[in-house]
Each structure stands twice: as structure tokens, then as C-alpha cells.
């Protein structure tokens, strides 16, 4: 199979050469390849190769010191816009209302409490584009960047001349891949699943949360494609990933090496 994005797969079945179970299903892999092709067609191969960078969770990329949560959110948003190449796209950032606390007494908590969304994207003729974020994310910088990158990817892909692979029903999945395409793959993968323990003077427990629409494995594969297309060594990303994601990234890179080559059109 040869994709319009210049990624070539070899053999009658993409998975026939694997001795172990592949990281993704064949359908999910084909969707990722098709989505990268869609992004390159609609938003420019030259821009991707010349300007897209792997954004790292370091002070080099996010160096500012701030004095309040609101200031931190605005500063982070402005940097994410800049790295996405959308610095001059008009957009308003707003904080959502605070989530209701699940604890109503030291030993009493509300189960299955609904939380507000991590972020939203809205475009209206009268008010323009608005992106919102859950204020709880100011205490989770990795997830804040991932959320803002996802919502800016909504903004970008809403301008596409054609629907994403499979139609607009797949927009959210394509949007997650777009955030990685823009350089935020480490943030997306690290934020896909979170397990946190907590303790204070009168209680302790654990909390599970996630963000985005792709699984960890899908985020990792999207990151592996980005690294391969950009010619970035795995080691540049691995040290910034959760330890549990480093082996899957190596596996994804190995599978890509078996399945794909980079067309000259993409490397020139």
C-alpha cells in the first residue's frame, strides 16, 4: 500500500512480517498514516519539515517564572501557540468554572463525580474563536500543555479543505494526532493516562484520569511517526517520556522501520 503522504508500506499485509503482536491494529495504523498524509496535504509539507520541532517539557521551552495560576495559563498558552506556528491566529483563552470537590467531609467522598472537560474549542461568528481550559490543569503543567495543544489543533484542522480520514466523525482522533504533528507528542503521550495517589492529614486515596481520545499506544505510535519523518533520534524523546512508555516507543520505531520508508518528497 502506498499512501499519498509519501509513506510506503511493504507487503500484502502490513502485519505479516511481525513475529510478535504489533503495537496497533492494522486499521489503527492505516488511520495514523492516512491522517499524517491529510495533515501534510492540507497544512504543508515544507512548513512541517522546516518549522515543526519536538517540544520538550523543559525550561528551555517553558522558561518563564510566573506569580499566579492565571498568569501561568496565559504564558503557557502563548508559548504553545508560538510552537504550533499559530502565534498570530486570533483566539481568546478563558478558564472554566472550578470543578466541585469530591470530598464533602474528611472521610466522605462523592463517587463518580462528573468533572468539567479539560478543554473546549468554540468558533462563533459574533465572538470569534474561544478556547477554554479546566483551572485544575494549572497544577498539572504536562496535561495543561497537552490540552491547549489539542484545542489549538481543533482550531487548525477546522480550516482544512477536506474532511479527515473517515470523515468528520473521526475529527477528535485526528485532532489528537495533529497535536503530535505540531510537535507536542511527548505531552500527549504522557497525559493519555494518569494514576495519582494523594494523602493529607485526614485522608488518603488514589485518582485515575486521562486526556485525549487516543490510547497511550496510539499516541506513542503517532510520536514515532513524527520522529521518523523529522529524522529525530528516539533518545531525544525517550528521556522525557514516562518510563512505561519508553519501551513501546522503541517497539513502534522498530515496526515503522519494517513497514515504511520515507519518500524523497518528504525529506527534500
C-alpha atoms as a PDB file:
ATOM      1  CA  UNK A   1       0.000   0.000   0.000  1.00  0.00           C
ATOM      2  CA  UNK A   2       1.301   3.484  -0.869  1.00  0.00           C
ATOM      3  CA  UNK A   3      -0.154   6.479   0.934  1.00  0.00           C
ATOM      4  CA  UNK A   4      -0.478   9.937  -0.563  1.00  0.00           C
ATOM      5  CA  UNK A   5       1.700  11.231   2.275  1.00  0.00           C
ATOM      6  CA  UNK A   6       4.811   9.566   0.856  1.00  0.00           C
ATOM      7  CA  UNK A   7       4.866   6.836   3.494  1.00  0.00           C
ATOM      8  CA  UNK A   8       5.241   3.448   1.822  1.00  0.00           C
ATOM      9  CA  UNK A   9       4.252   0.172   3.416  1.00  0.00           C
ATOM     10  CA  UNK A  10       5.619  -3.079   2.115  1.00  0.00           C
ATOM     11  CA  UNK A  11       3.971  -6.472   1.583  1.00  0.00           C
ATOM     12  CA  UNK A  12       0.418  -7.679   1.066  1.00  0.00           C
ATOM     13  CA  UNK A  13      -0.366  -7.313   4.745  1.00  0.00           C
ATOM     14  CA  UNK A  14       1.378  -4.733   6.854  1.00  0.00           C
ATOM     15  CA  UNK A  15       1.476  -7.147   9.786  1.00  0.00           C
ATOM     16  CA  UNK A  16       2.551 -10.316   8.012  1.00  0.00           C
ATOM     17  CA  UNK A  17       6.230  -9.708   8.791  1.00  0.00           C
ATOM     18  CA  UNK A  18       5.775  -9.391  12.553  1.00  0.00           C
ATOM     19  CA  UNK A  19       6.595 -12.322  14.854  1.00  0.00           C
ATOM     20  CA  UNK A  20       5.045 -10.658  17.889  1.00  0.00           C
ATOM     21  CA  UNK A  21       1.747  -8.856  18.278  1.00  0.00           C
ATOM     22  CA  UNK A  22       2.075  -5.350  16.797  1.00  0.00           C
ATOM     23  CA  UNK A  23       1.523  -2.259  18.915  1.00  0.00           C
ATOM     24  CA  UNK A  24      -1.556  -1.169  16.925  1.00  0.00           C
ATOM     25  CA  UNK A  25      -4.231  -2.921  14.927  1.00  0.00           C
ATOM     26  CA  UNK A  26      -3.840  -2.682  11.159  1.00  0.00           C
ATOM     27  CA  UNK A  27      -6.892  -0.408  10.997  1.00  0.00           C
ATOM     28  CA  UNK A  28      -5.461   1.989  13.584  1.00  0.00           C
ATOM     29  CA  UNK A  29      -2.076   2.071  11.854  1.00  0.00           C
ATOM     30  CA  UNK A  30      -3.694   2.814   8.490  1.00  0.00           C
ATOM     31  CA  UNK A  31      -5.659   5.640  10.126  1.00  0.00           C
ATOM     32  CA  UNK A  32      -2.471   7.166  11.533  1.00  0.00           C
ATOM     33  CA  UNK A  33      -0.702   7.023   8.165  1.00  0.00           C
ATOM     34  CA  UNK A  34      -3.754   8.454   6.390  1.00  0.00           C
ATOM     35  CA  UNK A  35      -4.035  11.248   8.978  1.00  0.00           C
ATOM     36  CA  UNK A  36      -0.399  12.249   8.567  1.00  0.00           C
ATOM     37  CA  UNK A  37      -0.989  12.323   4.806  1.00  0.00           C
ATOM     38  CA  UNK A  38      -4.074  14.502   5.324  1.00  0.00           C
ATOM     39  CA  UNK A  39      -2.140  16.898   7.547  1.00  0.00           C
ATOM     40  CA  UNK A  40       0.757  17.175   5.106  1.00  0.00           C
ATOM     41  CA  UNK A  41      -1.598  17.828   2.188  1.00  0.00           C
ATOM     42  CA  UNK A  42      -3.660  20.434   3.993  1.00  0.00           C
ATOM     43  CA  UNK A  43      -1.063  22.207   6.104  1.00  0.00           C
ATOM     44  CA  UNK A  44       2.120  21.983   4.096  1.00  0.00           C
ATOM     45  CA  UNK A  45       4.986  19.530   3.871  1.00  0.00           C
ATOM     46  CA  UNK A  46       7.512  22.356   3.637  1.00  0.00           C
ATOM     47  CA  UNK A  47       6.253  24.000   6.831  1.00  0.00           C
ATOM     48  CA  UNK A  48       6.342  20.665   8.666  1.00  0.00           C
ATOM     49  CA  UNK A  49       9.905  19.866   7.635  1.00  0.00           C
ATOM     50  CA  UNK A  50      11.257  23.377   8.090  1.00  0.00           C
ATOM     51  CA  UNK A  51       9.413  24.560  11.197  1.00  0.00           C
ATOM     52  CA  UNK A  52       7.909  21.746  13.267  1.00  0.00           C
ATOM     53  CA  UNK A  53      10.044  20.876  16.300  1.00  0.00           C
ATOM     54  CA  UNK A  54       9.852  18.298  19.055  1.00  0.00           C
ATOM     55  CA  UNK A  55       8.643  20.357  22.028  1.00  0.00           C
ATOM     56  CA  UNK A  56      10.129  19.209  25.327  1.00  0.00           C
ATOM     57  CA  UNK A  57       8.880  19.699  28.908  1.00  0.00           C
ATOM     58  CA  UNK A  58      11.956  21.716  29.867  1.00  0.00           C
ATOM     59  CA  UNK A  59      12.792  25.255  30.927  1.00  0.00           C
ATOM     60  CA  UNK A  60      14.327  25.788  27.528  1.00  0.00           C
ATOM     61  CA  UNK A  61      10.831  25.622  26.031  1.00  0.00           C
ATOM     62  CA  UNK A  62       8.845  26.932  29.019  1.00  0.00           C
ATOM     63  CA  UNK A  63      11.277  29.228  30.858  1.00  0.00           C
ATOM     64  CA  UNK A  64       9.003  31.902  32.291  1.00  0.00           C
ATOM     65  CA  UNK A  65       8.515  32.420  36.004  1.00  0.00           C
ATOM     66  CA  UNK A  66       5.002  33.482  36.928  1.00  0.00           C
ATOM     67  CA  UNK A  67       3.291  34.654  40.089  1.00  0.00           C
ATOM     68  CA  UNK A  68      -0.241  33.284  39.681  1.00  0.00           C
ATOM     69  CA  UNK A  69      -2.133  30.367  38.168  1.00  0.00           C
ATOM     70  CA  UNK A  70      -3.881  32.648  35.673  1.00  0.00           C
ATOM     71  CA  UNK A  71      -0.574  34.114  34.571  1.00  0.00           C
ATOM     72  CA  UNK A  72       0.872  30.620  34.170  1.00  0.00           C
ATOM     73  CA  UNK A  73      -2.033  29.540  31.962  1.00  0.00           C
ATOM     74  CA  UNK A  74      -1.771  32.592  29.709  1.00  0.00           C
ATOM     75  CA  UNK A  75       2.010  32.304  29.396  1.00  0.00           C
ATOM     76  CA  UNK A  76       1.760  28.576  28.625  1.00  0.00           C
ATOM     77  CA  UNK A  77      -0.958  29.190  26.034  1.00  0.00           C
ATOM     78  CA  UNK A  78       1.110  31.859  24.278  1.00  0.00           C
ATOM     79  CA  UNK A  79       4.105  29.526  24.066  1.00  0.00           C
ATOM     80  CA  UNK A  80       2.021  26.607  22.784  1.00  0.00           C
ATOM     81  CA  UNK A  81       0.566  28.908  20.101  1.00  0.00           C
ATOM     82  CA  UNK A  82       4.058  30.029  19.093  1.00  0.00           C
ATOM     83  CA  UNK A  83       5.454  26.496  18.856  1.00  0.00           C
ATOM     84  CA  UNK A  84       2.391  25.411  16.866  1.00  0.00           C
ATOM     85  CA  UNK A  85       3.036  28.198  14.347  1.00  0.00           C
ATOM     86  CA  UNK A  86      -0.272  29.826  15.328  1.00  0.00           C
ATOM     87  CA  UNK A  87       1.045  32.789  17.290  1.00  0.00           C
ATOM     88  CA  UNK A  88      -0.959  35.305  15.236  1.00  0.00           C
ATOM     89  CA  UNK A  89      -4.194  33.314  14.980  1.00  0.00           C
ATOM     90  CA  UNK A  90      -6.874  35.348  16.830  1.00  0.00           C
ATOM     91  CA  UNK A  91      -8.166  33.446  19.833  1.00  0.00           C
ATOM     92  CA  UNK A  92      -9.433  34.090  23.373  1.00  0.00           C
ATOM     93  CA  UNK A  93      -8.409  31.876  26.298  1.00  0.00           C
ATOM     94  CA  UNK A  94     -10.849  31.535  29.207  1.00  0.00           C
ATOM     95  CA  UNK A  95     -10.878  29.487  32.401  1.00  0.00           C
ATOM     96  CA  UNK A  96     -13.856  27.244  33.082  1.00  0.00           C
ATOM     97  CA  UNK A  97     -15.647  27.177  36.409  1.00  0.00           C
ATOM     98  CA  UNK A  98     -13.912  25.204  39.145  1.00  0.00           C
ATOM     99  CA  UNK A  99     -14.893  21.538  39.476  1.00  0.00           C
ATOM    100  CA  UNK A 100     -16.849  20.567  42.574  1.00  0.00           C
ATOM    101  CA  UNK A 101     -14.581  18.896  45.129  1.00  0.00           C
ATOM    102  CA  UNK A 102     -15.323  15.150  45.532  1.00  0.00           C
ATOM    103  CA  UNK A 103     -14.687  15.339  49.291  1.00  0.00           C
ATOM    104  CA  UNK A 104     -17.591  16.624  51.378  1.00  0.00           C
ATOM    105  CA  UNK A 105     -16.102  15.539  54.730  1.00  0.00           C
ATOM    106  CA  UNK A 106     -12.749  14.095  55.909  1.00  0.00           C
ATOM    107  CA  UNK A 107     -13.950  10.522  55.395  1.00  0.00           C
ATOM    108  CA  UNK A 108     -16.763  11.080  52.876  1.00  0.00           C
ATOM    109  CA  UNK A 109     -16.284  11.457  49.122  1.00  0.00           C
ATOM    110  CA  UNK A 110     -18.646  11.580  46.158  1.00  0.00           C
ATOM    111  CA  UNK A 111     -18.169   8.638  43.806  1.00  0.00           C
ATOM    112  CA  UNK A 112     -18.312   9.065  40.014  1.00  0.00           C
ATOM    113  CA  UNK A 113     -18.412  12.841  40.370  1.00  0.00           C
ATOM    114  CA  UNK A 114     -18.715  14.477  36.926  1.00  0.00           C
ATOM    115  CA  UNK A 115     -15.858  16.823  36.100  1.00  0.00           C
ATOM    116  CA  UNK A 116     -15.803  19.572  33.539  1.00  0.00           C
ATOM    117  CA  UNK A 117     -13.939  18.943  30.287  1.00  0.00           C
ATOM    118  CA  UNK A 118     -10.202  19.530  30.284  1.00  0.00           C
ATOM    119  CA  UNK A 119     -10.634  21.982  27.411  1.00  0.00           C
ATOM    120  CA  UNK A 120     -13.067  23.163  24.751  1.00  0.00           C
ATOM    121  CA  UNK A 121     -12.885  24.815  21.337  1.00  0.00           C
ATOM    122  CA  UNK A 122     -15.671  27.058  20.080  1.00  0.00           C
ATOM    123  CA  UNK A 123     -15.867  29.203  16.951  1.00  0.00           C
ATOM    124  CA  UNK A 124     -18.764  31.634  16.593  1.00  0.00           C
ATOM    125  CA  UNK A 125     -19.280  34.418  14.002  1.00  0.00           C
ATOM    126  CA  UNK A 126     -20.097  37.004  16.659  1.00  0.00           C
ATOM    127  CA  UNK A 127     -17.393  36.207  19.220  1.00  0.00           C
ATOM    128  CA  UNK A 128     -14.618  34.555  17.204  1.00  0.00           C
ATOM    129  CA  UNK A 129     -12.618  31.591  18.473  1.00  0.00           C
ATOM    130  CA  UNK A 130     -12.605  30.761  22.187  1.00  0.00           C
ATOM    131  CA  UNK A 131     -10.557  28.056  23.884  1.00  0.00           C
ATOM    132  CA  UNK A 132     -11.323  27.144  27.474  1.00  0.00           C
ATOM    133  CA  UNK A 133      -9.352  25.100  29.984  1.00  0.00           C
ATOM    134  CA  UNK A 134     -10.131  23.454  33.295  1.00  0.00           C
ATOM    135  CA  UNK A 135      -8.404  25.524  36.022  1.00  0.00           C
ATOM    136  CA  UNK A 136      -7.344  22.328  37.799  1.00  0.00           C
ATOM    137  CA  UNK A 137      -4.782  21.893  34.994  1.00  0.00           C
ATOM    138  CA  UNK A 138      -2.639  24.738  36.313  1.00  0.00           C
ATOM    139  CA  UNK A 139      -1.320  22.226  38.878  1.00  0.00           C
ATOM    140  CA  UNK A 140      -0.544  19.733  36.069  1.00  0.00           C
ATOM    141  CA  UNK A 141       1.671  21.537  33.516  1.00  0.00           C
ATOM    142  CA  UNK A 142       2.132  18.446  31.302  1.00  0.00           C
ATOM    143  CA  UNK A 143      -1.613  17.965  30.926  1.00  0.00           C
ATOM    144  CA  UNK A 144      -2.212  21.711  30.534  1.00  0.00           C
ATOM    145  CA  UNK A 145       0.136  21.845  27.527  1.00  0.00           C
ATOM    146  CA  UNK A 146      -1.460  18.701  26.036  1.00  0.00           C
ATOM    147  CA  UNK A 147      -4.952  20.159  26.441  1.00  0.00           C
ATOM    148  CA  UNK A 148      -4.048  23.519  24.905  1.00  0.00           C
ATOM    149  CA  UNK A 149      -2.228  21.785  22.032  1.00  0.00           C
ATOM    150  CA  UNK A 150      -5.306  19.614  21.391  1.00  0.00           C
ATOM    151  CA  UNK A 151      -7.675  22.598  21.328  1.00  0.00           C
ATOM    152  CA  UNK A 152      -5.356  24.603  19.056  1.00  0.00           C
ATOM    153  CA  UNK A 153      -5.264  21.540  16.801  1.00  0.00           C
ATOM    154  CA  UNK A 154      -9.056  21.781  16.665  1.00  0.00           C
ATOM    155  CA  UNK A 155      -8.651  25.363  15.505  1.00  0.00           C
ATOM    156  CA  UNK A 156      -6.093  24.424  12.855  1.00  0.00           C
ATOM    157  CA  UNK A 157      -7.938  21.419  11.467  1.00  0.00           C
ATOM    158  CA  UNK A 158     -11.246  23.298  11.335  1.00  0.00           C
ATOM    159  CA  UNK A 159      -9.703  25.202   8.416  1.00  0.00           C
ATOM    160  CA  UNK A 160      -8.865  22.060   6.396  1.00  0.00           C
ATOM    161  CA  UNK A 161     -10.106  21.972   2.819  1.00  0.00           C
ATOM    162  CA  UNK A 162     -11.120  18.312   3.178  1.00  0.00           C
ATOM    163  CA  UNK A 163     -12.503  16.119   5.937  1.00  0.00           C
ATOM    164  CA  UNK A 164     -10.079  13.965   7.949  1.00  0.00           C
ATOM    165  CA  UNK A 165      -9.738  10.270   7.033  1.00  0.00           C
ATOM    166  CA  UNK A 166     -13.072   8.556   7.641  1.00  0.00           C
ATOM    167  CA  UNK A 167     -14.955  11.864   7.773  1.00  0.00           C
ATOM    168  CA  UNK A 168     -15.630  14.424  10.474  1.00  0.00           C
ATOM    169  CA  UNK A 169     -16.799  11.698  12.872  1.00  0.00           C
ATOM    170  CA  UNK A 170     -13.073  10.976  13.278  1.00  0.00           C
ATOM    171  CA  UNK A 171     -12.179  14.620  13.922  1.00  0.00           C
ATOM    172  CA  UNK A 172     -11.301  14.173  17.602  1.00  0.00           C
ATOM    173  CA  UNK A 173      -8.956  11.254  16.865  1.00  0.00           C
ATOM    174  CA  UNK A 174      -7.330  13.179  14.020  1.00  0.00           C
ATOM    175  CA  UNK A 175      -7.020  16.201  16.320  1.00  0.00           C
ATOM    176  CA  UNK A 176      -5.001  14.194  18.850  1.00  0.00           C
ATOM    177  CA  UNK A 177      -2.625  13.143  16.058  1.00  0.00           C
ATOM    178  CA  UNK A 178      -2.467  16.762  14.881  1.00  0.00           C
ATOM    179  CA  UNK A 179      -1.147  17.859  18.286  1.00  0.00           C
ATOM    180  CA  UNK A 180       1.707  15.371  17.866  1.00  0.00           C
ATOM    181  CA  UNK A 181       2.185  16.516  14.246  1.00  0.00           C
ATOM    182  CA  UNK A 182       2.675  20.052  15.643  1.00  0.00           C
ATOM    183  CA  UNK A 183       5.417  18.798  17.984  1.00  0.00           C
ATOM    184  CA  UNK A 184       3.595  18.057  21.238  1.00  0.00           C
ATOM    185  CA  UNK A 185       3.742  14.258  21.115  1.00  0.00           C
ATOM    186  CA  UNK A 186       5.597  13.858  24.418  1.00  0.00           C
ATOM    187  CA  UNK A 187       2.931  15.867  26.232  1.00  0.00           C
ATOM    188  CA  UNK A 188       0.117  13.949  24.523  1.00  0.00           C
ATOM    189  CA  UNK A 189       1.574  10.527  25.346  1.00  0.00           C
ATOM    190  CA  UNK A 190       2.454  11.397  28.941  1.00  0.00           C
ATOM    191  CA  UNK A 191      -1.052  12.774  29.570  1.00  0.00           C
ATOM    192  CA  UNK A 192      -3.061   9.945  27.997  1.00  0.00           C
ATOM    193  CA  UNK A 193      -3.287   8.083  31.315  1.00  0.00           C
ATOM    194  CA  UNK A 194      -2.549   9.350  34.815  1.00  0.00           C
ATOM    195  CA  UNK A 195      -2.609   7.482  38.126  1.00  0.00           C
ATOM    196  CA  UNK A 196      -2.061   9.626  41.200  1.00  0.00           C
ATOM    197  CA  UNK A 197      -2.039   8.816  44.890  1.00  0.00           C
ATOM    198  CA  UNK A 198      -2.862  11.501  47.424  1.00  0.00           C
ATOM    199  CA  UNK A 199      -2.682  11.850  51.178  1.00  0.00           C
ATOM    200  CA  UNK A 200      -3.294  14.581  53.724  1.00  0.00           C
ATOM    201  CA  UNK A 201      -3.904  14.867  57.457  1.00  0.00           C
ATOM    202  CA  UNK A 202      -7.214  13.023  57.438  1.00  0.00           C
ATOM    203  CA  UNK A 203      -7.477  11.003  54.234  1.00  0.00           C
ATOM    204  CA  UNK A 204      -5.631   9.167  51.518  1.00  0.00           C
ATOM    205  CA  UNK A 205      -6.553   7.528  48.254  1.00  0.00           C
ATOM    206  CA  UNK A 206      -5.896   7.399  44.548  1.00  0.00           C
ATOM    207  CA  UNK A 207      -7.189   9.008  41.407  1.00  0.00           C
ATOM    208  CA  UNK A 208      -7.172   7.909  37.774  1.00  0.00           C
ATOM    209  CA  UNK A 209      -7.543  10.362  34.924  1.00  0.00           C
ATOM    210  CA  UNK A 210      -6.901  10.589  31.217  1.00  0.00           C
ATOM    211  CA  UNK A 211      -6.961  13.090  28.412  1.00  0.00           C
ATOM    212  CA  UNK A 212      -7.444  12.972  24.676  1.00  0.00           C
ATOM    213  CA  UNK A 213      -9.129  10.377  22.507  1.00  0.00           C
ATOM    214  CA  UNK A 214      -6.251   8.066  21.575  1.00  0.00           C
ATOM    215  CA  UNK A 215      -4.790   5.329  23.751  1.00  0.00           C
ATOM    216  CA  UNK A 216      -1.233   5.533  25.070  1.00  0.00           C
ATOM    217  CA  UNK A 217      -0.122   3.097  22.365  1.00  0.00           C
ATOM    218  CA  UNK A 218      -1.720   5.227  19.651  1.00  0.00           C
ATOM    219  CA  UNK A 219      -0.100   8.385  20.998  1.00  0.00           C
ATOM    220  CA  UNK A 220       3.267   6.639  21.096  1.00  0.00           C
ATOM    221  CA  UNK A 221       2.909   5.434  17.511  1.00  0.00           C
ATOM    222  CA  UNK A 222       1.972   8.928  16.335  1.00  0.00           C
ATOM    223  CA  UNK A 223       5.086  10.219  18.115  1.00  0.00           C
ATOM    224  CA  UNK A 224       7.237   7.538  16.457  1.00  0.00           C
ATOM    225  CA  UNK A 225       5.954   8.605  13.018  1.00  0.00           C
ATOM    226  CA  UNK A 226       6.759  12.243  13.838  1.00  0.00           C
ATOM    227  CA  UNK A 227      10.303  11.364  14.929  1.00  0.00           C
ATOM    228  CA  UNK A 228      10.869   9.272  11.802  1.00  0.00           C
ATOM    229  CA  UNK A 229       9.576  11.946   9.435  1.00  0.00           C
ATOM    230  CA  UNK A 230      11.689  14.604  11.141  1.00  0.00           C
ATOM    231  CA  UNK A 231      14.785  12.419  11.466  1.00  0.00           C
ATOM    232  CA  UNK A 232      14.913  12.944  15.242  1.00  0.00           C
ATOM    233  CA  UNK A 233      16.675  10.236  17.310  1.00  0.00           C
ATOM    234  CA  UNK A 234      14.481   8.264  19.710  1.00  0.00           C
ATOM    235  CA  UNK A 235      16.789   9.200  22.571  1.00  0.00           C
ATOM    236  CA  UNK A 236      15.756  12.848  22.263  1.00  0.00           C
ATOM    237  CA  UNK A 237      12.202  11.897  23.203  1.00  0.00           C
ATOM    238  CA  UNK A 238      12.694   8.859  25.440  1.00  0.00           C
ATOM    239  CA  UNK A 239      14.218  10.626  28.429  1.00  0.00           C
ATOM    240  CA  UNK A 240      11.158  12.897  28.649  1.00  0.00           C
ATOM    241  CA  UNK A 241       8.581  10.103  28.461  1.00  0.00           C
ATOM    242  CA  UNK A 242       7.165   8.167  31.381  1.00  0.00           C
ATOM    243  CA  UNK A 243       9.368   5.084  31.960  1.00  0.00           C
ATOM    244  CA  UNK A 244       6.464   2.815  30.997  1.00  0.00           C
ATOM    245  CA  UNK A 245       6.279   4.445  27.547  1.00  0.00           C
ATOM    246  CA  UNK A 246       9.936   4.167  26.538  1.00  0.00           C
ATOM    247  CA  UNK A 247       9.827   0.504  25.516  1.00  0.00           C
ATOM    248  CA  UNK A 248       6.615   0.966  23.465  1.00  0.00           C
ATOM    249  CA  UNK A 249       8.305   3.861  21.625  1.00  0.00           C
ATOM    250  CA  UNK A 250      11.231   1.594  20.705  1.00  0.00           C
ATOM    251  CA  UNK A 251       8.761  -1.055  19.556  1.00  0.00           C
ATOM    252  CA  UNK A 252       6.840   1.472  17.458  1.00  0.00           C
ATOM    253  CA  UNK A 253      10.068   2.696  15.842  1.00  0.00           C
ATOM    254  CA  UNK A 254      11.111  -0.869  15.075  1.00  0.00           C
ATOM    255  CA  UNK A 255       7.738  -1.625  13.478  1.00  0.00           C
ATOM    256  CA  UNK A 256       7.941   1.558  11.409  1.00  0.00           C
ATOM    257  CA  UNK A 257      11.382   0.552  10.173  1.00  0.00           C
ATOM    258  CA  UNK A 258       9.899  -2.735   8.970  1.00  0.00           C
ATOM    259  CA  UNK A 259       6.841  -1.149   7.380  1.00  0.00           C
ATOM    260  CA  UNK A 260       7.847   2.196   5.954  1.00  0.00           C
ATOM    261  CA  UNK A 261      10.421   4.246   4.172  1.00  0.00           C
ATOM    262  CA  UNK A 262      10.433   8.000   3.844  1.00  0.00           C
ATOM    263  CA  UNK A 263       9.751   9.229   0.327  1.00  0.00           C
ATOM    264  CA  UNK A 264      12.227  11.740  -1.112  1.00  0.00           C
ATOM    265  CA  UNK A 265       9.349  14.169  -1.441  1.00  0.00           C
ATOM    266  CA  UNK A 266       9.159  14.404   2.354  1.00  0.00           C
ATOM    267  CA  UNK A 267      12.846  14.767   3.047  1.00  0.00           C
ATOM    268  CA  UNK A 268      13.578  17.483   0.476  1.00  0.00           C
END
